[in-house]
Protein backbone atom coordinates (compact mmCIF):
# COMPACT_ATOMS: atom_id res chain seq x y z
CA MET A 1 2.15 25.97 13.60
CA ALA A 2 2.65 22.18 14.00
CA ALA A 3 -1.10 21.63 13.81
CA THR A 4 -1.31 23.69 10.62
CA THR A 5 1.54 21.74 9.03
CA SER A 6 -0.08 18.44 10.00
CA MET A 7 -3.40 19.49 8.47
CA LEU A 8 -1.72 20.57 5.23
CA VAL A 9 -0.02 17.18 4.96
CA LYS A 10 -3.34 15.40 5.53
CA LEU A 11 -5.16 17.53 2.98
CA SER A 12 -2.36 17.06 0.49
CA MET A 13 -2.64 13.29 0.75
CA LEU A 14 -6.42 13.51 0.47
CA PHE A 15 -6.16 15.66 -2.66
CA ASN A 16 -3.73 13.20 -4.17
CA LEU A 17 -6.10 10.29 -3.76
CA LEU A 18 -9.34 12.09 -4.58
CA SER A 19 -8.15 13.93 -7.68
CA THR A 20 -9.21 11.78 -10.60
CA SER A 21 -7.32 13.86 -13.12
CA ARG A 22 -4.03 13.78 -11.29
CA LEU A 23 -4.23 10.10 -10.46
CA GLY A 24 -4.92 9.28 -14.08
CA LEU A 25 -2.49 11.60 -15.87
CA TRP A 26 1.23 12.27 -16.07
CA SER A 27 2.01 8.62 -15.39
CA ASN A 28 5.69 8.89 -16.09
CA GLN A 29 6.69 5.33 -15.25
CA GLU A 30 10.27 6.15 -14.45
CA HIS A 31 11.74 3.34 -12.39
CA VAL A 32 13.31 4.53 -9.18
CA ARG A 33 15.10 3.04 -6.25
CA ALA A 34 14.90 5.59 -3.52
CA PHE A 35 13.82 6.15 0.02
CA PRO A 36 10.41 7.83 -0.35
CA PRO A 37 10.87 11.54 0.48
CA THR A 38 7.48 11.58 2.21
CA CYS A 39 8.97 9.39 4.96
CA ASP A 40 11.31 12.23 5.94
CA ARG A 41 8.24 14.27 6.91
CA ILE A 42 5.66 11.80 8.22
CA GLU A 43 5.86 8.38 9.82
CA CYS A 44 6.29 5.27 7.66
CA PRO A 45 6.60 1.64 8.79
CA SER A 46 10.17 0.56 9.44
CA PHE A 47 11.80 -2.35 7.62
CA ASP A 48 15.12 -4.10 7.04
CA VAL A 49 16.43 -4.67 3.52
CA VAL A 50 17.14 -8.39 3.22
CA HIS A 51 18.20 -8.57 -0.43
CA VAL A 52 18.49 -6.31 -3.48
CA GLY A 53 18.01 -8.00 -6.84
CA ASP A 54 17.67 -6.91 -10.46
CA GLY A 55 14.48 -4.83 -10.47
CA TYR A 56 13.32 -5.77 -6.98
CA GLU A 57 14.07 -5.51 -3.29
CA ILE A 58 13.22 -7.92 -0.46
CA ARG A 59 12.27 -6.27 2.85
CA ARG A 60 11.43 -7.57 6.28
CA TYR A 61 8.71 -5.54 7.99
CA ASN A 62 8.33 -5.87 11.72
CA SER A 63 4.93 -6.30 13.35
CA THR A 64 2.71 -3.47 12.13
CA VAL A 65 -0.93 -2.45 12.45
CA TRP A 66 -3.00 -1.15 9.54
CA MET A 67 -6.55 0.22 9.57
CA SER A 68 -8.36 -1.22 6.57
CA THR A 69 -11.60 -0.91 4.66
CA ALA A 70 -13.88 -3.81 3.84
CA PRO A 71 -13.23 -5.27 0.35
CA ILE A 72 -14.33 -2.82 -2.36
CA PRO A 73 -15.51 -4.51 -5.58
CA GLY A 74 -14.71 -2.74 -8.83
CA ILE A 75 -12.63 -2.65 -11.98
CA SER A 76 -10.53 0.44 -11.16
CA LEU A 77 -7.81 0.57 -8.52
CA VAL A 78 -7.80 4.36 -8.76
CA GLU A 79 -11.54 4.58 -8.03
CA ALA A 80 -11.38 2.00 -5.24
CA THR A 81 -8.44 3.78 -3.60
CA ARG A 82 -10.28 7.09 -3.83
CA SER A 83 -13.40 5.56 -2.24
CA GLY A 84 -11.48 3.75 0.48
CA PHE A 85 -9.35 6.72 1.38
CA ARG A 86 -12.44 8.83 1.98
CA GLN A 87 -13.30 6.45 4.81
CA LEU A 88 -9.74 6.44 6.15
CA PHE A 89 -9.44 10.23 5.99
CA ASP A 90 -12.65 10.57 8.02
CA TYR A 91 -11.18 8.05 10.46
CA ILE A 92 -7.97 9.99 11.10
CA GLN A 93 -9.95 13.23 11.39
CA GLY A 94 -11.79 11.79 14.41
CA LYS A 95 -14.67 9.80 12.94
CA ASN A 96 -13.94 6.82 15.17
CA SER A 97 -15.22 5.39 18.44
CA TYR A 98 -12.75 7.46 20.50
CA GLU A 99 -13.32 10.67 18.49
CA LYS A 100 -9.54 10.86 18.32
CA GLN A 101 -7.54 12.60 15.59
CA ILE A 102 -4.64 10.55 14.27
CA GLU A 103 -1.53 11.72 12.47
CA MET A 104 -1.23 11.05 8.74
CA THR A 105 1.29 8.39 7.72
CA ALA A 106 2.57 6.86 4.49
CA PRO A 107 2.14 4.85 2.43
CA VAL A 108 -1.54 4.34 1.75
CA ILE A 109 -1.75 0.80 0.37
CA THR A 110 -4.33 -0.92 -1.79
CA GLU A 111 -4.42 -4.71 -1.77
CA VAL A 112 -5.52 -6.11 -5.12
CA SER A 113 -7.30 -9.43 -5.63
CA PRO A 114 -7.84 -9.54 -9.40
CA SER A 115 -10.95 -11.04 -10.97
CA ASN A 116 -10.86 -14.29 -12.91
CA GLY A 117 -12.37 -12.76 -16.04
CA PRO A 118 -12.30 -9.55 -18.09
CA ILE A 119 -15.77 -8.41 -17.05
CA CYS A 120 -15.66 -9.52 -13.42
CA ALA A 121 -15.03 -7.04 -10.63
CA SER A 122 -11.76 -7.27 -8.73
CA SER A 123 -11.58 -6.70 -4.99
CA PHE A 124 -9.59 -3.90 -3.33
CA VAL A 125 -8.79 -3.27 0.34
CA VAL A 126 -7.39 0.18 1.15
CA SER A 127 -5.30 0.56 4.31
CA PHE A 128 -3.70 3.26 6.43
CA TYR A 129 -0.56 2.54 8.48
CA VAL A 130 -1.43 3.22 12.13
CA PRO A 131 1.18 5.44 13.85
CA LYS A 132 3.29 3.72 16.52
CA GLU A 133 1.65 5.71 19.31
CA ASN A 134 -1.77 4.30 18.33
CA GLN A 135 -0.83 0.74 17.43
CA ALA A 136 -1.40 -0.73 20.89
CA ASN A 137 -5.00 0.50 20.87
CA PRO A 138 -6.13 1.75 17.44
CA PRO A 139 -9.53 3.45 17.70
CA PRO A 140 -12.23 1.20 16.19
CA ALA A 141 -14.62 2.59 13.59
CA GLU A 142 -17.67 1.35 11.76
CA GLY A 143 -16.82 -0.18 8.40
CA LEU A 144 -13.09 -0.46 9.17
CA HIS A 145 -11.00 -3.17 10.78
CA ALA A 146 -7.45 -3.43 12.11
CA GLN A 147 -4.98 -5.69 10.31
CA ARG A 148 -2.16 -6.83 12.57
CA TRP A 149 0.82 -8.03 10.58
CA LYS A 150 3.29 -10.41 12.10
CA PRO A 151 6.89 -9.97 10.89
CA THR A 152 6.51 -10.26 7.12
CA TYR A 153 8.68 -10.41 4.03
CA VAL A 154 7.76 -8.13 1.13
CA ALA A 155 9.08 -8.23 -2.42
CA THR A 156 8.92 -4.70 -3.81
CA ARG A 157 9.32 -2.91 -7.12
CA GLN A 158 9.39 0.89 -7.30
CA PHE A 159 8.03 3.06 -10.09
CA GLY A 160 7.51 6.77 -10.54
CA GLY A 161 4.81 9.10 -11.76
CA PHE A 162 1.14 9.35 -10.83
CA VAL A 163 -0.50 5.93 -10.51
CA ALA A 164 -3.01 5.01 -13.21
CA ASP A 165 -4.98 1.81 -13.66
CA SER A 166 -2.92 0.89 -16.71
CA ASP A 167 0.27 0.96 -14.63
CA VAL A 168 -0.34 -1.50 -11.87
CA ALA A 169 -0.79 -4.74 -13.82
CA VAL A 170 2.27 -3.91 -15.95
CA GLU A 171 4.41 -3.17 -12.88
CA ALA A 172 3.16 -6.27 -11.05
CA ALA A 173 3.99 -8.43 -14.07
CA ALA A 174 7.46 -6.86 -14.22
CA LEU A 175 8.02 -7.69 -10.54
CA GLU A 176 6.89 -11.28 -11.16
CA ALA A 177 9.32 -11.51 -14.08
CA SER A 178 12.21 -10.13 -12.01
CA LEU A 179 11.54 -12.66 -9.26
CA SER A 180 11.14 -15.62 -11.63
CA GLY A 181 13.31 -18.58 -10.65
CA THR A 182 14.32 -17.15 -7.27
CA THR A 183 13.76 -18.47 -3.77
CA TRP A 184 11.54 -15.46 -3.18
CA ALA A 185 9.21 -16.36 -6.06
CA LYS A 186 8.78 -19.85 -4.63
CA ALA A 187 7.99 -18.41 -1.19
CA ILE A 188 5.41 -16.01 -2.65
CA GLU A 189 3.76 -18.86 -4.56
CA LYS A 190 3.68 -21.00 -1.42
CA SER A 191 2.13 -18.20 0.63
CA ARG A 192 -0.54 -17.63 -2.04
CA GLU A 193 -1.41 -21.31 -2.16
CA LYS A 194 -1.72 -21.45 1.62
CA GLU A 195 -3.95 -18.38 1.77
CA SER A 196 -5.94 -18.83 -1.44
CA SER A 197 -9.03 -20.03 0.44
CA ALA A 198 -9.04 -16.80 2.42
CA GLY A 199 -9.06 -14.65 -0.74
CA ALA A 200 -5.55 -13.31 -0.21
CA SER A 201 -4.42 -10.43 -2.41
CA VAL A 202 -2.10 -11.10 -5.33
CA TYR A 203 -0.25 -7.81 -4.98
CA THR A 204 -0.45 -4.46 -3.19
CA VAL A 205 0.07 -0.93 -4.50
CA ALA A 206 1.74 1.53 -2.11
CA GLN A 207 1.49 5.29 -2.76
CA TYR A 208 3.70 7.75 -0.87
CA ASN A 209 3.62 11.23 -2.39
CA SER A 210 1.48 14.34 -2.21
CA PRO A 211 0.04 15.64 -5.51
CA PHE A 212 2.23 18.73 -5.34
CA GLU A 213 5.39 16.66 -5.84
CA PHE A 214 5.77 16.27 -9.57
CA ASP A 215 9.38 15.07 -9.42
CA ASP A 216 10.90 12.11 -7.61
CA ARG A 217 7.58 10.39 -7.07
CA VAL A 218 7.81 6.95 -5.46
CA ASN A 219 5.18 4.23 -5.75
CA GLU A 220 5.67 0.54 -5.10
CA ILE A 221 4.24 -2.85 -5.97
CA TRP A 222 4.35 -5.19 -2.97
CA MET A 223 4.06 -8.98 -2.87
CA LEU A 224 3.85 -10.29 0.68
CA PHE A 225 4.97 -13.67 1.96
CA ASP A 226 5.50 -15.33 5.31
CA MET A 227 8.90 -15.70 6.90
CA GLU A 228 8.29 -19.42 7.39
CA ASP A 229 7.58 -19.81 3.68
CA ALA A 230 10.84 -18.07 2.83
CA SER A 231 12.89 -20.25 5.18
CA SER A 232 11.33 -23.52 4.00
CA VAL A 233 12.24 -23.26 0.30
């Protein structure tokens, strides 16, 4: 019974990310501030809430491990996420060096490094949060790599509905506006400047829900920054 439930959860997440129509429609951008309901059913990374502001929240994530794709060039976050998640779904189904099945987690995140021009491709990295039981030794796989986060601050903004390409830039701009003039904005800017040579992402889109949840959907825009950058401004 547990195995069946686990498989249904995995397939539900896969359907959510592979269904072009559902990712692109019904984008009711209701703004929410809620604990994602998915995290009551499957594992999510733990965090501490450091500060709650007008339209944003500052979190401190402990050390976490993510399994990530190589950068995917393109102009559509939806298409890049769909492509990347195919690789990650194969990975958790056992297509890895250990031939080990791994439990589904949430959220699936897509790091976005926007292009400098209107006709240039952006770069997207799609990542799966590795369950705690696998973090010490995540199975390697061709085409994927492990990202090991040190304790990290994240500025977040939540929004509802099904994610569409038209949403993410608007929501990211709204988060930037909410943070404007704060210590957190200065820390984010400092982190970006420090990591600009490494092609660091400008923001990250986190998706939590299955496609069969039409109400109370929770998505988030994340902007990451180092603890040392937050304490030095």
